[in-house]
Amino acid sequence: MNQNKKLYRSQSNVMLGGVCAGLGDYVDLDPTIVRLIFVVMFLTASFGFWLYLIMWIIVPPEPVDSVQARRAVIDAQPLDDEEVNHD
């Protein structure tokens, strides 16, 4: 695991508060799996609810510059032939 990695709430992959997506990014796990783990914890003892709520309050949101960088990569589209300069 990268030593410089920090835990943030995701701002680009949000279902409720971005906690599961941020945690998934931090531990290199699909956010869907993290969400399923939280649902199972919630259904078994409501521990998942309290843990999610506490993390939503404590974990800071992802910095804006990294969100913009992700969106730029996602939104990037290949250039059309008309846009390419053929000089």
C-alpha atoms as a PDB file:
ATOM      1  CA  MET A   1       0.000   0.000   0.000  1.00  0.00           C
ATOM      2  CA  ASN A   2       1.228   3.478  -0.821  1.00  0.00           C
ATOM      3  CA  GLN A   3       2.569   5.285   2.255  1.00  0.00           C
ATOM      4  CA  ASN A   4       1.335   8.692   1.014  1.00  0.00           C
ATOM      5  CA  LYS A   5      -2.254   7.586   0.528  1.00  0.00           C
ATOM      6  CA  LYS A   6      -4.866   9.415   2.614  1.00  0.00           C
ATOM      7  CA  LEU A   7      -8.426   8.476   3.449  1.00  0.00           C
ATOM      8  CA  TYR A   8     -11.000  10.836   1.944  1.00  0.00           C
ATOM      9  CA  ARG A   9     -14.711  10.717   1.228  1.00  0.00           C
ATOM     10  CA  SER A  10     -15.088  10.415  -2.522  1.00  0.00           C
ATOM     11  CA  GLN A  11     -16.684  13.347  -4.307  1.00  0.00           C
ATOM     12  CA  SER A  12     -16.795  11.655  -7.707  1.00  0.00           C
ATOM     13  CA  ASN A  13     -18.244   8.227  -6.833  1.00  0.00           C
ATOM     14  CA  VAL A  14     -20.960   9.110  -4.325  1.00  0.00           C
ATOM     15  CA  MET A  15     -24.030   7.096  -3.361  1.00  0.00           C
ATOM     16  CA  LEU A  16     -24.786   8.720  -0.025  1.00  0.00           C
ATOM     17  CA  GLY A  17     -21.778  10.385   1.559  1.00  0.00           C
ATOM     18  CA  GLY A  18     -18.838   9.005  -0.434  1.00  0.00           C
ATOM     19  CA  VAL A  19     -17.526   7.017   2.531  1.00  0.00           C
ATOM     20  CA  CYS A  20     -17.568   3.579   0.889  1.00  0.00           C
ATOM     21  CA  ALA A  21     -16.018   4.798  -2.362  1.00  0.00           C
ATOM     22  CA  GLY A  22     -13.299   6.649  -0.456  1.00  0.00           C
ATOM     23  CA  LEU A  23     -12.609   3.617   1.720  1.00  0.00           C
ATOM     24  CA  GLY A  24     -12.536   1.412  -1.374  1.00  0.00           C
ATOM     25  CA  ASP A  25     -10.010   3.725  -3.037  1.00  0.00           C
ATOM     26  CA  TYR A  26      -7.901   3.708   0.105  1.00  0.00           C
ATOM     27  CA  VAL A  27      -7.706  -0.097   0.378  1.00  0.00           C
ATOM     28  CA  ASP A  28      -7.773  -0.732  -3.415  1.00  0.00           C
ATOM     29  CA  LEU A  29     -11.133  -2.503  -3.298  1.00  0.00           C
ATOM     30  CA  ASP A  30     -14.207  -2.038  -5.473  1.00  0.00           C
ATOM     31  CA  PRO A  31     -16.593   0.430  -3.757  1.00  0.00           C
ATOM     32  CA  THR A  32     -19.501  -1.947  -4.438  1.00  0.00           C
ATOM     33  CA  ILE A  33     -17.878  -4.592  -2.247  1.00  0.00           C
ATOM     34  CA  VAL A  34     -17.323  -2.045   0.526  1.00  0.00           C
ATOM     35  CA  ARG A  35     -20.981  -0.978   0.233  1.00  0.00           C
ATOM     36  CA  LEU A  36     -22.118  -4.605   0.516  1.00  0.00           C
ATOM     37  CA  ILE A  37     -19.985  -5.064   3.629  1.00  0.00           C
ATOM     38  CA  PHE A  38     -21.609  -1.997   5.202  1.00  0.00           C
ATOM     39  CA  VAL A  39     -25.090  -3.289   4.322  1.00  0.00           C
ATOM     40  CA  VAL A  40     -24.341  -6.664   5.914  1.00  0.00           C
ATOM     41  CA  MET A  41     -22.970  -4.949   9.027  1.00  0.00           C
ATOM     42  CA  PHE A  42     -26.074  -2.762   9.158  1.00  0.00           C
ATOM     43  CA  LEU A  43     -28.464  -5.695   8.849  1.00  0.00           C
ATOM     44  CA  THR A  44     -26.699  -7.843  11.435  1.00  0.00           C
ATOM     45  CA  ALA A  45     -26.224  -5.443  14.314  1.00  0.00           C
ATOM     46  CA  SER A  46     -26.691  -1.881  13.023  1.00  0.00           C
ATOM     47  CA  PHE A  47     -22.952  -1.456  13.580  1.00  0.00           C
ATOM     48  CA  GLY A  48     -22.560  -0.522   9.911  1.00  0.00           C
ATOM     49  CA  PHE A  49     -24.919   2.425  10.296  1.00  0.00           C
ATOM     50  CA  TRP A  50     -23.025   3.906  13.230  1.00  0.00           C
ATOM     51  CA  LEU A  51     -19.633   3.280  11.636  1.00  0.00           C
ATOM     52  CA  TYR A  52     -20.769   4.903   8.372  1.00  0.00           C
ATOM     53  CA  LEU A  53     -22.238   7.883  10.204  1.00  0.00           C
ATOM     54  CA  ILE A  54     -19.076   8.416  12.265  1.00  0.00           C
ATOM     55  CA  MET A  55     -16.858   8.112   9.187  1.00  0.00           C
ATOM     56  CA  TRP A  56     -19.108  10.517   7.262  1.00  0.00           C
ATOM     57  CA  ILE A  57     -18.563  13.104  10.011  1.00  0.00           C
ATOM     58  CA  ILE A  58     -14.849  12.491  10.642  1.00  0.00           C
ATOM     59  CA  VAL A  59     -13.349  11.651   7.223  1.00  0.00           C
ATOM     60  CA  PRO A  60     -12.653  14.804   5.186  1.00  0.00           C
ATOM     61  CA  PRO A  61     -13.962  15.152   1.630  1.00  0.00           C
ATOM     62  CA  GLU A  62     -11.667  14.510  -1.289  1.00  0.00           C
ATOM     63  CA  PRO A  63      -9.730  17.635  -2.381  1.00  0.00           C
ATOM     64  CA  VAL A  64     -11.320  19.505  -5.283  1.00  0.00           C
ATOM     65  CA  ASP A  65      -8.226  19.300  -7.495  1.00  0.00           C
ATOM     66  CA  SER A  66      -8.200  15.488  -7.466  1.00  0.00           C
ATOM     67  CA  VAL A  67     -11.949  15.402  -8.226  1.00  0.00           C
ATOM     68  CA  GLN A  68     -11.433  17.731 -11.190  1.00  0.00           C
ATOM     69  CA  ALA A  69      -8.528  15.600 -12.427  1.00  0.00           C
ATOM     70  CA  ARG A  70     -10.682  12.445 -12.318  1.00  0.00           C
ATOM     71  CA  ARG A  71     -13.537  14.153 -14.122  1.00  0.00           C
ATOM     72  CA  ALA A  72     -11.161  15.464 -16.785  1.00  0.00           C
ATOM     73  CA  VAL A  73      -9.919  11.940 -17.460  1.00  0.00           C
ATOM     74  CA  ILE A  74     -13.457  10.535 -17.508  1.00  0.00           C
ATOM     75  CA  ASP A  75     -14.786  13.312 -19.741  1.00  0.00           C
ATOM     76  CA  ALA A  76     -11.851  13.187 -22.159  1.00  0.00           C
ATOM     77  CA  GLN A  77     -12.992  12.255 -25.618  1.00  0.00           C
ATOM     78  CA  PRO A  78     -10.864  11.424 -28.641  1.00  0.00           C
ATOM     79  CA  LEU A  79     -10.405  14.195 -31.180  1.00  0.00           C
ATOM     80  CA  ASP A  80     -12.376  14.054 -34.398  1.00  0.00           C
ATOM     81  CA  ASP A  81     -10.491  14.101 -37.695  1.00  0.00           C
ATOM     82  CA  GLU A  82     -11.813  17.621 -38.305  1.00  0.00           C
ATOM     83  CA  GLU A  83     -10.222  18.905 -35.073  1.00  0.00           C
ATOM     84  CA  VAL A  84      -6.753  17.553 -35.898  1.00  0.00           C
ATOM     85  CA  ASN A  85      -4.476  19.949 -37.742  1.00  0.00           C
ATOM     86  CA  HIS A  86      -3.088  18.171 -40.809  1.00  0.00           C
ATOM     87  CA  ASP A  87      -0.228  20.645 -41.483  1.00  0.00           C
END
